[in-house]
Amino acid sequence: MSFPVQIPIRVPCPAGACICGHEALRADSMGDQRILRLTREEEKRLLQRLERVTSLQDLRHVERRMYEQLGIRLRIEPGASEVRTVRGIQIEVLPMRGLCRKTRQAVAAAIRRGMERTPDVAFALLDEAGLFG
């Protein structure tokens, strides 16, 4: 006799603290529920991985895996004006139902910390955008 495998899901935010729509997503059987697999422990592991990115290819790989496994979409590009520091690079985690606002901010901050630790990633991103020719 086989038993169904229980996948741990994220604990919802306290009522009124967030507008992520966690409960509505759980109730919607047709919705993309991959994001619910991002438990607090898994979020910590993801943030650590983002901080340890070593190259632009590595960052793009993690970005692709985040979309494949969780449905999270990122937008990382040089800012519209002058880029003097890593703060000038726009990092946006696109909103989606079930993804907490704090998690979105934490992912962007972890990517920034990784770029500050390994500036070659930021330079490669700027080069990808055509800054260095």
N, C-alpha and C. Protein backbone atom coordinates (compact mmCIF):
# COMPACT_ATOMS: atom_id res chain seq x y z
N MET A 1 0.85 -1.16 0.00
CA MET A 1 0.00 0.00 0.00
C MET A 1 0.91 1.24 0.00
N SER A 2 0.64 2.18 -0.89
CA SER A 2 1.45 3.40 -0.95
C SER A 2 0.69 4.55 -0.29
N PHE A 3 1.46 5.42 0.33
CA PHE A 3 0.89 6.57 0.99
C PHE A 3 1.22 7.81 0.18
N PRO A 4 0.29 8.75 0.10
CA PRO A 4 0.57 9.96 -0.66
C PRO A 4 1.69 10.76 0.02
N VAL A 5 2.55 11.33 -0.78
CA VAL A 5 3.67 12.12 -0.27
C VAL A 5 3.14 13.51 0.11
N GLN A 6 3.44 13.91 1.33
CA GLN A 6 3.03 15.22 1.81
C GLN A 6 4.17 16.21 1.57
N ILE A 7 3.93 17.21 0.74
CA ILE A 7 4.90 18.26 0.48
C ILE A 7 4.62 19.39 1.45
N PRO A 8 5.62 19.80 2.23
CA PRO A 8 5.37 20.90 3.17
C PRO A 8 5.07 22.19 2.40
N ILE A 9 4.10 22.94 2.89
CA ILE A 9 3.77 24.21 2.24
C ILE A 9 4.00 25.35 3.23
N ARG A 10 4.10 26.51 2.67
CA ARG A 10 4.39 27.70 3.46
C ARG A 10 3.25 28.01 4.42
N VAL A 11 3.62 28.42 5.61
CA VAL A 11 2.64 28.86 6.60
C VAL A 11 2.16 30.24 6.16
N PRO A 12 0.86 30.50 6.17
CA PRO A 12 0.37 31.81 5.71
C PRO A 12 0.81 32.94 6.64
N CYS A 13 0.89 34.12 6.08
CA CYS A 13 1.21 35.31 6.86
C CYS A 13 0.07 35.58 7.85
N PRO A 14 0.36 36.27 8.95
CA PRO A 14 -0.72 36.61 9.88
C PRO A 14 -1.80 37.45 9.18
N ALA A 15 -3.03 37.27 9.60
CA ALA A 15 -4.15 37.99 8.99
C ALA A 15 -3.92 39.50 9.08
N GLY A 16 -4.09 40.17 7.97
CA GLY A 16 -3.95 41.62 7.93
C GLY A 16 -2.52 42.11 7.77
N ALA A 17 -1.53 41.20 7.88
CA ALA A 17 -0.13 41.61 7.78
C ALA A 17 0.36 41.63 6.34
N CYS A 18 -0.30 40.89 5.46
CA CYS A 18 0.17 40.77 4.09
C CYS A 18 -1.03 40.60 3.15
N ILE A 19 -0.84 40.97 1.92
CA ILE A 19 -1.91 40.82 0.93
C ILE A 19 -1.50 39.83 -0.17
N CYS A 20 -0.72 38.81 0.23
CA CYS A 20 -0.18 37.87 -0.75
C CYS A 20 -1.24 36.95 -1.36
N GLY A 21 -2.35 36.75 -0.70
CA GLY A 21 -3.40 35.89 -1.23
C GLY A 21 -3.11 34.41 -1.04
N HIS A 22 -2.41 34.07 0.01
CA HIS A 22 -2.03 32.68 0.29
C HIS A 22 -3.26 31.77 0.38
N GLU A 23 -4.22 32.18 1.18
CA GLU A 23 -5.42 31.34 1.38
C GLU A 23 -6.24 31.21 0.09
N ALA A 24 -6.36 32.29 -0.65
CA ALA A 24 -7.10 32.23 -1.92
C ALA A 24 -6.41 31.30 -2.91
N LEU A 25 -5.10 31.31 -2.91
CA LEU A 25 -4.36 30.43 -3.82
C LEU A 25 -4.54 28.97 -3.41
N ARG A 26 -4.51 28.70 -2.12
CA ARG A 26 -4.72 27.32 -1.66
C ARG A 26 -6.12 26.83 -2.02
N ALA A 27 -7.09 27.72 -1.99
CA ALA A 27 -8.46 27.34 -2.30
C ALA A 27 -8.68 27.14 -3.80
N ASP A 28 -7.85 27.78 -4.62
CA ASP A 28 -8.00 27.70 -6.08
C ASP A 28 -7.23 26.49 -6.60
N SER A 29 -7.94 25.44 -6.95
CA SER A 29 -7.29 24.21 -7.42
C SER A 29 -6.67 24.38 -8.80
N MET A 30 -7.08 25.37 -9.56
CA MET A 30 -6.55 25.60 -10.91
C MET A 30 -5.39 26.60 -10.92
N GLY A 31 -5.11 27.24 -9.79
CA GLY A 31 -4.04 28.23 -9.72
C GLY A 31 -2.66 27.59 -9.67
N ASP A 32 -1.64 28.37 -9.98
CA ASP A 32 -0.26 27.91 -9.93
C ASP A 32 0.19 27.90 -8.48
N GLN A 33 0.22 26.74 -7.87
CA GLN A 33 0.50 26.63 -6.44
C GLN A 33 1.95 26.27 -6.15
N ARG A 34 2.82 26.39 -7.14
CA ARG A 34 4.24 26.06 -6.91
C ARG A 34 4.85 26.93 -5.82
N ILE A 35 4.43 28.18 -5.73
CA ILE A 35 5.02 29.10 -4.76
C ILE A 35 4.76 28.65 -3.32
N LEU A 36 3.73 27.88 -3.11
CA LEU A 36 3.42 27.42 -1.76
C LEU A 36 4.48 26.46 -1.22
N ARG A 37 5.31 25.89 -2.11
CA ARG A 37 6.39 25.00 -1.69
C ARG A 37 7.55 25.76 -1.06
N LEU A 38 7.57 27.08 -1.17
CA LEU A 38 8.65 27.89 -0.61
C LEU A 38 8.39 28.13 0.87
N THR A 39 8.79 27.16 1.69
CA THR A 39 8.63 27.30 3.14
C THR A 39 9.65 28.30 3.66
N ARG A 40 9.54 28.67 4.90
CA ARG A 40 10.50 29.62 5.50
C ARG A 40 11.92 29.06 5.44
N GLU A 41 12.09 27.77 5.69
CA GLU A 41 13.42 27.15 5.64
C GLU A 41 13.96 27.17 4.22
N GLU A 42 13.11 26.84 3.25
CA GLU A 42 13.54 26.86 1.86
C GLU A 42 13.84 28.29 1.40
N GLU A 43 13.10 29.25 1.91
CA GLU A 43 13.37 30.65 1.58
C GLU A 43 14.76 31.05 2.07
N LYS A 44 15.12 30.63 3.26
CA LYS A 44 16.45 30.93 3.80
C LYS A 44 17.54 30.32 2.93
N ARG A 45 17.33 29.08 2.50
CA ARG A 45 18.30 28.42 1.61
C ARG A 45 18.41 29.15 0.28
N LEU A 46 17.28 29.60 -0.27
CA LEU A 46 17.27 30.34 -1.53
C LEU A 46 18.04 31.65 -1.39
N LEU A 47 17.81 32.37 -0.30
CA LEU A 47 18.48 33.64 -0.08
C LEU A 47 19.99 33.44 0.06
N GLN A 48 20.39 32.39 0.76
CA GLN A 48 21.82 32.09 0.88
C GLN A 48 22.43 31.77 -0.48
N ARG A 49 21.69 31.03 -1.29
CA ARG A 49 22.17 30.68 -2.63
C ARG A 49 22.32 31.93 -3.49
N LEU A 50 21.37 32.84 -3.40
CA LEU A 50 21.44 34.07 -4.18
C LEU A 50 22.62 34.94 -3.75
N GLU A 51 22.95 34.92 -2.49
CA GLU A 51 24.10 35.69 -2.00
C GLU A 51 25.43 35.09 -2.45
N ARG A 52 25.44 33.80 -2.76
CA ARG A 52 26.67 33.12 -3.17
C ARG A 52 26.84 33.04 -4.68
N VAL A 53 26.08 33.77 -5.44
CA VAL A 53 26.19 33.73 -6.90
C VAL A 53 27.59 34.18 -7.30
N THR A 54 28.22 33.44 -8.22
CA THR A 54 29.61 33.72 -8.58
C THR A 54 29.78 34.34 -9.96
N SER A 55 28.77 34.25 -10.81
CA SER A 55 28.87 34.80 -12.17
C SER A 55 27.48 35.14 -12.67
N LEU A 56 27.44 35.85 -13.79
CA LEU A 56 26.15 36.19 -14.37
C LEU A 56 25.43 34.93 -14.85
N GLN A 57 26.20 33.98 -15.40
CA GLN A 57 25.56 32.72 -15.83
C GLN A 57 24.96 31.98 -14.64
N ASP A 58 25.65 32.02 -13.52
CA ASP A 58 25.13 31.39 -12.30
C ASP A 58 23.85 32.08 -11.85
N LEU A 59 23.83 33.41 -11.89
CA LEU A 59 22.63 34.16 -11.52
C LEU A 59 21.48 33.83 -12.45
N ARG A 60 21.75 33.77 -13.76
CA ARG A 60 20.69 33.44 -14.73
C ARG A 60 20.20 32.01 -14.51
N HIS A 61 21.10 31.10 -14.14
CA HIS A 61 20.70 29.72 -13.86
C HIS A 61 19.75 29.67 -12.66
N VAL A 62 20.11 30.38 -11.58
CA VAL A 62 19.25 30.40 -10.39
C VAL A 62 17.92 31.05 -10.73
N GLU A 63 17.96 32.10 -11.53
CA GLU A 63 16.74 32.79 -11.97
C GLU A 63 15.83 31.82 -12.73
N ARG A 64 16.41 31.05 -13.63
CA ARG A 64 15.64 30.07 -14.40
C ARG A 64 15.04 28.99 -13.49
N ARG A 65 15.84 28.50 -12.53
CA ARG A 65 15.36 27.47 -11.61
C ARG A 65 14.25 27.99 -10.71
N MET A 66 14.35 29.26 -10.30
CA MET A 66 13.30 29.85 -9.48
C MET A 66 11.98 29.87 -10.24
N TYR A 67 12.05 30.17 -11.54
CA TYR A 67 10.82 30.17 -12.32
C TYR A 67 10.30 28.74 -12.51
N GLU A 68 11.18 27.82 -12.85
CA GLU A 68 10.75 26.43 -13.10
C GLU A 68 10.13 25.79 -11.87
N GLN A 69 10.76 26.00 -10.71
CA GLN A 69 10.32 25.30 -9.51
C GLN A 69 9.25 26.05 -8.72
N LEU A 70 9.29 27.39 -8.75
CA LEU A 70 8.38 28.17 -7.90
C LEU A 70 7.48 29.13 -8.67
N GLY A 71 7.80 29.39 -9.92
CA GLY A 71 7.01 30.34 -10.70
C GLY A 71 7.40 31.79 -10.46
N ILE A 72 8.53 32.02 -9.76
CA ILE A 72 8.98 33.38 -9.46
C ILE A 72 9.69 33.96 -10.67
N ARG A 73 9.28 35.15 -11.07
CA ARG A 73 9.91 35.84 -12.20
C ARG A 73 10.69 37.04 -11.67
N LEU A 74 11.92 37.18 -12.18
CA LEU A 74 12.78 38.29 -11.80
C LEU A 74 13.01 39.20 -12.99
N ARG A 75 13.25 40.47 -12.69
CA ARG A 75 13.69 41.42 -13.70
C ARG A 75 14.92 42.11 -13.12
N ILE A 76 16.07 41.85 -13.73
CA ILE A 76 17.33 42.43 -13.28
C ILE A 76 17.93 43.17 -14.46
N GLU A 77 18.09 44.48 -14.32
CA GLU A 77 18.61 45.29 -15.41
C GLU A 77 19.22 46.57 -14.86
N PRO A 78 20.12 47.18 -15.62
CA PRO A 78 20.67 48.46 -15.18
C PRO A 78 19.56 49.51 -15.07
N GLY A 79 19.73 50.41 -14.14
CA GLY A 79 18.74 51.47 -13.94
C GLY A 79 18.66 52.39 -15.15
N ALA A 80 17.61 53.17 -15.20
CA ALA A 80 17.38 54.08 -16.32
C ALA A 80 18.42 55.19 -16.35
N SER A 81 18.91 55.59 -15.20
CA SER A 81 19.93 56.63 -15.17
C SER A 81 21.29 56.00 -14.91
N GLU A 82 22.21 56.76 -14.49
CA GLU A 82 23.59 56.33 -14.30
C GLU A 82 23.71 55.26 -13.21
N VAL A 83 24.55 54.26 -13.47
CA VAL A 83 24.79 53.20 -12.51
C VAL A 83 26.19 53.40 -11.93
N ARG A 84 26.24 53.82 -10.67
CA ARG A 84 27.53 54.03 -10.01
C ARG A 84 27.84 52.92 -9.02
N THR A 85 26.81 52.35 -8.45
CA THR A 85 26.97 51.26 -7.49
C THR A 85 25.95 50.17 -7.82
N VAL A 86 25.97 49.13 -7.04
CA VAL A 86 24.99 48.04 -7.22
C VAL A 86 23.58 48.56 -6.98
N ARG A 87 23.44 49.61 -6.20
CA ARG A 87 22.12 50.20 -5.94
C ARG A 87 21.47 50.75 -7.21
N GLY A 88 22.28 51.05 -8.22
CA GLY A 88 21.75 51.56 -9.48
C GLY A 88 21.17 50.48 -10.38
N ILE A 89 21.36 49.24 -10.02
CA ILE A 89 20.80 48.13 -10.80
C ILE A 89 19.40 47.84 -10.27
N GLN A 90 18.44 47.79 -11.17
CA GLN A 90 17.06 47.52 -10.77
C GLN A 90 16.85 46.01 -10.66
N ILE A 91 16.45 45.61 -9.48
CA ILE A 91 16.14 44.20 -9.23
C ILE A 91 14.70 44.14 -8.76
N GLU A 92 13.88 43.48 -9.55
CA GLU A 92 12.46 43.42 -9.22
C GLU A 92 11.99 41.98 -9.27
N VAL A 93 11.34 41.57 -8.21
CA VAL A 93 10.66 40.27 -8.18
C VAL A 93 9.21 40.58 -8.50
N LEU A 94 8.76 40.08 -9.63
CA LEU A 94 7.42 40.42 -10.09
C LEU A 94 6.37 39.84 -9.14
N PRO A 95 5.33 40.61 -8.85
CA PRO A 95 4.31 40.13 -7.92
C PRO A 95 3.55 38.94 -8.49
N MET A 96 3.18 38.06 -7.60
CA MET A 96 2.35 36.92 -7.98
C MET A 96 1.55 36.50 -6.76
N ARG A 97 0.42 35.90 -7.01
CA ARG A 97 -0.43 35.47 -5.91
C ARG A 97 0.27 34.39 -5.11
N GLY A 98 0.31 34.56 -3.80
CA GLY A 98 0.95 33.61 -2.91
C GLY A 98 2.37 33.98 -2.52
N LEU A 99 2.95 34.98 -3.19
CA LEU A 99 4.32 35.40 -2.88
C LEU A 99 4.26 36.64 -1.99
N CYS A 100 4.77 36.49 -0.79
CA CYS A 100 4.72 37.54 0.22
C CYS A 100 5.58 38.73 -0.20
N ARG A 101 5.15 39.91 0.15
CA ARG A 101 5.87 41.15 -0.14
C ARG A 101 7.25 41.12 0.51
N LYS A 102 7.33 40.63 1.73
CA LYS A 102 8.62 40.56 2.42
C LYS A 102 9.58 39.60 1.73
N THR A 103 9.07 38.53 1.20
CA THR A 103 9.91 37.58 0.47
C THR A 103 10.43 38.23 -0.80
N ARG A 104 9.59 38.98 -1.49
CA ARG A 104 10.04 39.68 -2.70
C ARG A 104 11.17 40.64 -2.38
N GLN A 105 11.04 41.38 -1.28
CA GLN A 105 12.08 42.32 -0.88
C GLN A 105 13.36 41.59 -0.47
N ALA A 106 13.21 40.47 0.22
CA ALA A 106 14.37 39.70 0.69
C ALA A 106 15.15 39.11 -0.48
N VAL A 107 14.45 38.65 -1.51
CA VAL A 107 15.12 38.08 -2.69
C VAL A 107 15.93 39.17 -3.39
N ALA A 108 15.33 40.34 -3.59
CA ALA A 108 16.05 41.44 -4.24
C ALA A 108 17.26 41.85 -3.41
N ALA A 109 17.11 41.92 -2.11
CA ALA A 109 18.22 42.31 -1.23
C ALA A 109 19.34 41.26 -1.27
N ALA A 110 19.00 39.99 -1.33
CA ALA A 110 20.01 38.93 -1.38
C ALA A 110 20.79 39.00 -2.70
N ILE A 111 20.12 39.29 -3.79
CA ILE A 111 20.81 39.43 -5.08
C ILE A 111 21.78 40.62 -5.01
N ARG A 112 21.34 41.72 -4.42
CA ARG A 112 22.21 42.89 -4.27
C ARG A 112 23.44 42.56 -3.42
N ARG A 113 23.23 41.87 -2.31
CA ARG A 113 24.36 41.49 -1.46
C ARG A 113 25.33 40.60 -2.22
N GLY A 114 24.80 39.68 -3.03
CA GLY A 114 25.65 38.82 -3.84
C GLY A 114 26.46 39.61 -4.86
N MET A 115 25.85 40.62 -5.45
CA MET A 115 26.56 41.46 -6.42
C MET A 115 27.61 42.34 -5.74
N GLU A 116 27.32 42.78 -4.52
CA GLU A 116 28.30 43.57 -3.78
C GLU A 116 29.49 42.69 -3.39
N ARG A 117 29.23 41.45 -3.07
CA ARG A 117 30.29 40.52 -2.69
C ARG A 117 31.12 40.12 -3.91
N THR A 118 30.47 39.96 -5.07
CA THR A 118 31.14 39.57 -6.30
C THR A 118 30.81 40.59 -7.38
N PRO A 119 31.57 41.69 -7.45
CA PRO A 119 31.25 42.77 -8.40
C PRO A 119 31.31 42.35 -9.87
N ASP A 120 32.01 41.25 -10.17
CA ASP A 120 32.07 40.79 -11.56
C ASP A 120 30.69 40.46 -12.11
N VAL A 121 29.78 40.05 -11.24
CA VAL A 121 28.40 39.76 -11.66
C VAL A 121 27.74 41.05 -12.15
N ALA A 122 27.90 42.12 -11.39
CA ALA A 122 27.31 43.42 -11.78
C ALA A 122 27.93 43.93 -13.07
N PHE A 123 29.27 43.79 -13.20
CA PHE A 123 29.94 44.24 -14.43
C PHE A 123 29.46 43.45 -15.63
N ALA A 124 29.29 42.13 -15.47
CA ALA A 124 28.80 41.30 -16.58
C ALA A 124 27.36 41.67 -16.94
N LEU A 125 26.57 42.02 -15.95
CA LEU A 125 25.18 42.45 -16.21
C LEU A 125 25.18 43.76 -17.00
N LEU A 126 26.04 44.68 -16.61
CA LEU A 126 26.13 45.94 -17.34
C LEU A 126 26.65 45.72 -18.75
N ASP A 127 27.59 44.80 -18.91
CA ASP A 127 28.13 44.48 -20.23
C ASP A 127 27.06 43.83 -21.09
N GLU A 128 26.24 42.98 -20.49
CA GLU A 128 25.15 42.33 -21.21
C GLU A 128 24.17 43.36 -21.76
N ALA A 129 24.01 44.44 -21.02
CA ALA A 129 23.09 45.51 -21.43
C ALA A 129 23.75 46.47 -22.44
N GLY A 130 25.02 46.22 -22.78
CA GLY A 130 25.67 47.04 -23.81
C GLY A 130 26.43 48.22 -23.28
N LEU A 131 26.70 48.27 -22.00
CA LEU A 131 27.41 49.42 -21.44
C LEU A 131 28.86 49.47 -21.89
N PHE A 132 29.52 48.32 -21.96
CA PHE A 132 30.94 48.29 -22.29
C PHE A 132 31.19 48.03 -23.78
N GLY A 133 30.16 48.06 -24.57
CA GLY A 133 30.36 47.95 -26.01
C GLY A 133 30.15 46.58 -26.47
